[in-house]
Amino acid sequence: MDTINSERTEQKEVMKRTIKDSVFTDLFQNKKYLLQLYKSLHPEDDVTEDDLTDVTIKNVLTDNIYNDLGFVVEDRLMIFVEAQSSVWTVNIIVRALMYLVQTWHDYFERTKQNLYKSKKVQMPIPEIYVLYTGERKTRPSEISLSQEFFDGKECGIDVRVKMI
């Protein structure tokens, strides 16, 4: 009986998380709301809905990498926003790195840039945010790969995620 109750609780948590994720994702598929989000992150910037391009990784048929929201602003800035409302985990940093690499790969293909040529590729500057709505009492304003996973040691790559 305990196994059945445990499975039901787990199913409810997964369903609730999926519903929240889909509401977040669906909301920002509307460019009007996407523009409002961008302007709240960069109030100094004067852009229009036409300056925003959706680059969210969607994976409908398989259980592979996908993210909540990704968009490019005028081919100069690439923004990722993850909604996290369930159990807090710093693993979001690793997932964000995976989203970034996949999105850059897609960007190079879409813009027909070749990584194997001598000409330096052009790419948007990334910004990564986590919109956390859970019950964690204290949260840092930023988390980083090197701090969380390598005890702050210098490493070949670092990813910084801004917390909202």
Protein backbone atom coordinates (compact mmCIF):
# COMPACT_ATOMS: atom_id res chain seq x y z
CA MET A 1 0.00 0.00 0.00
CA ASP A 2 2.85 2.41 0.81
CA THR A 3 4.32 1.76 -2.64
CA ILE A 4 1.03 2.74 -4.30
CA ASN A 5 0.76 5.96 -2.24
CA SER A 6 4.39 6.80 -2.99
CA GLU A 7 3.81 6.30 -6.72
CA ARG A 8 0.68 8.49 -6.63
CA THR A 9 2.55 11.28 -4.82
CA GLU A 10 5.39 11.04 -7.34
CA GLN A 11 2.90 11.14 -10.25
CA LYS A 12 1.20 14.23 -8.79
CA GLU A 13 4.56 16.00 -8.40
CA VAL A 14 5.55 15.15 -11.99
CA MET A 15 2.15 16.27 -13.31
CA LYS A 16 2.26 19.53 -11.33
CA ARG A 17 5.81 20.27 -12.54
CA THR A 18 4.86 19.44 -16.15
CA ILE A 19 1.83 21.74 -15.98
CA LYS A 20 3.91 24.61 -14.56
CA ASP A 21 6.61 24.04 -17.18
CA SER A 22 4.09 24.02 -20.04
CA VAL A 23 2.35 27.19 -18.77
CA PHE A 24 5.73 28.96 -18.57
CA THR A 25 6.77 27.72 -22.02
CA ASP A 26 3.41 28.49 -23.63
CA LEU A 27 3.29 31.99 -22.14
CA PHE A 28 6.61 33.01 -23.66
CA GLN A 29 5.83 31.55 -27.08
CA ASN A 30 3.76 34.72 -27.40
CA LYS A 31 6.22 37.39 -28.56
CA LYS A 32 4.32 40.09 -26.66
CA TYR A 33 5.19 38.39 -23.36
CA LEU A 34 8.66 37.42 -24.55
CA LEU A 35 9.37 41.08 -25.26
CA GLN A 36 8.12 42.04 -21.79
CA LEU A 37 10.42 39.45 -20.25
CA TYR A 38 13.39 40.73 -22.24
CA LYS A 39 12.67 44.34 -21.32
CA SER A 40 12.52 43.38 -17.63
CA LEU A 41 16.00 41.84 -18.00
CA HIS A 42 17.34 44.69 -20.18
CA PRO A 43 15.25 47.84 -19.64
CA GLU A 44 17.97 49.93 -21.31
CA ASP A 45 17.58 48.16 -24.65
CA ASP A 46 15.20 49.34 -27.37
CA VAL A 47 14.03 46.27 -29.27
CA THR A 48 10.80 45.11 -30.85
CA GLU A 49 9.09 41.75 -31.15
CA ASP A 50 10.64 41.40 -34.61
CA ASP A 51 14.13 41.50 -33.04
CA LEU A 52 13.44 38.32 -31.03
CA THR A 53 13.94 34.82 -32.43
CA ASP A 54 12.85 31.70 -30.56
CA VAL A 55 15.66 29.14 -30.20
CA THR A 56 14.06 26.97 -27.52
CA ILE A 57 15.19 23.37 -27.85
CA LYS A 58 12.08 21.29 -28.36
CA ASN A 59 12.19 17.54 -28.17
CA VAL A 60 8.74 16.11 -28.69
CA LEU A 61 9.34 12.50 -29.70
CA THR A 62 12.28 11.41 -27.56
CA ASP A 63 13.44 11.86 -24.01
CA ASN A 64 16.47 13.95 -24.89
CA ILE A 65 17.70 17.48 -24.16
CA TYR A 66 15.14 20.29 -24.14
CA ASN A 67 14.86 23.58 -22.31
CA ASP A 68 12.12 25.91 -21.12
CA LEU A 69 12.96 29.05 -23.06
CA GLY A 70 15.69 30.25 -25.35
CA PHE A 71 15.73 33.27 -27.63
CA VAL A 72 18.14 35.39 -29.62
CA VAL A 73 18.01 39.18 -29.68
CA GLU A 74 19.18 40.62 -33.01
CA ASP A 75 21.86 37.91 -33.40
CA ARG A 76 23.87 39.61 -30.63
CA LEU A 77 22.48 38.16 -27.44
CA MET A 78 21.25 34.64 -26.64
CA ILE A 79 19.11 34.28 -23.52
CA PHE A 80 18.07 31.10 -21.76
CA VAL A 81 15.51 31.10 -18.96
CA GLU A 82 14.68 27.99 -16.96
CA ALA A 83 11.72 27.85 -14.62
CA GLN A 84 12.49 25.81 -11.55
CA SER A 85 9.80 25.32 -8.96
CA SER A 86 10.48 21.84 -7.70
CA VAL A 87 13.37 20.58 -5.60
CA TRP A 88 16.31 22.95 -5.84
CA THR A 89 19.38 21.58 -7.62
CA VAL A 90 22.64 23.12 -8.79
CA ASN A 91 22.57 20.59 -11.64
CA ILE A 92 20.70 23.30 -13.54
CA ILE A 93 24.17 24.70 -14.33
CA VAL A 94 25.18 21.53 -16.18
CA ARG A 95 21.86 21.42 -18.03
CA ALA A 96 22.26 25.09 -18.99
CA LEU A 97 25.69 24.35 -20.44
CA MET A 98 24.20 21.52 -22.49
CA TYR A 99 21.41 23.82 -23.74
CA LEU A 100 23.95 26.48 -24.66
CA VAL A 101 26.17 24.12 -26.66
CA GLN A 102 23.21 22.58 -28.50
CA THR A 103 21.75 25.99 -29.30
CA TRP A 104 25.08 27.31 -30.57
CA HIS A 105 25.35 24.21 -32.76
CA ASP A 106 21.88 24.88 -34.19
CA TYR A 107 22.75 28.58 -34.60
CA PHE A 108 25.88 27.79 -36.63
CA GLU A 109 23.86 25.53 -38.91
CA ARG A 110 21.04 28.07 -39.30
CA THR A 111 23.49 30.88 -40.12
CA LYS A 112 25.58 28.54 -42.34
CA GLN A 113 28.80 29.08 -40.40
CA ASN A 114 31.49 26.43 -40.59
CA LEU A 115 33.52 25.67 -37.47
CA TYR A 116 36.17 23.89 -39.55
CA LYS A 117 37.09 26.88 -41.71
CA SER A 118 39.72 29.42 -40.72
CA LYS A 119 37.22 32.28 -40.56
CA LYS A 120 36.16 32.98 -36.97
CA VAL A 121 32.46 32.25 -36.41
CA GLN A 122 30.13 34.93 -35.09
CA MET A 123 27.89 34.04 -32.17
CA PRO A 124 25.55 35.77 -29.76
CA ILE A 125 26.68 36.44 -26.20
CA PRO A 126 24.87 34.05 -23.83
CA GLU A 127 22.96 34.99 -20.71
CA ILE A 128 21.49 32.25 -18.53
CA TYR A 129 18.78 32.75 -15.92
CA VAL A 130 16.87 30.50 -13.56
CA LEU A 131 13.48 31.73 -12.45
CA TYR A 132 13.10 29.91 -9.15
CA THR A 133 9.70 29.91 -7.49
CA GLY A 134 10.25 27.20 -4.90
CA GLU A 135 10.51 27.48 -1.15
CA ARG A 136 14.26 27.79 -0.78
CA LYS A 137 14.85 30.40 1.91
CA THR A 138 18.27 31.59 0.82
CA ARG A 139 19.45 31.60 -2.73
CA PRO A 140 22.49 33.17 -4.28
CA SER A 141 22.08 35.83 -6.96
CA GLU A 142 24.36 33.77 -9.17
CA ILE A 143 25.71 30.23 -9.30
CA SER A 144 28.67 28.99 -11.31
CA LEU A 145 29.99 25.70 -12.61
CA SER A 146 33.51 26.21 -11.22
CA GLN A 147 32.24 27.21 -7.76
CA GLU A 148 29.65 24.47 -7.40
CA PHE A 149 31.45 21.56 -9.03
CA PHE A 150 35.19 22.32 -8.86
CA ASP A 151 35.51 24.11 -5.49
CA GLY A 152 36.18 27.42 -7.23
CA LYS A 153 39.27 26.14 -9.00
CA GLU A 154 40.06 27.64 -12.36
CA CYS A 155 38.97 25.35 -15.15
CA GLY A 156 38.76 25.37 -18.92
CA ILE A 157 35.15 26.55 -18.95
CA ASP A 158 32.80 28.24 -16.56
CA VAL A 159 29.06 28.82 -16.76
CA ARG A 160 27.35 31.44 -14.64
CA VAL A 161 23.62 31.31 -14.05
CA LYS A 162 21.79 34.34 -12.70
CA MET A 163 19.03 33.56 -10.20
CA ILE A 164 15.74 35.42 -10.27
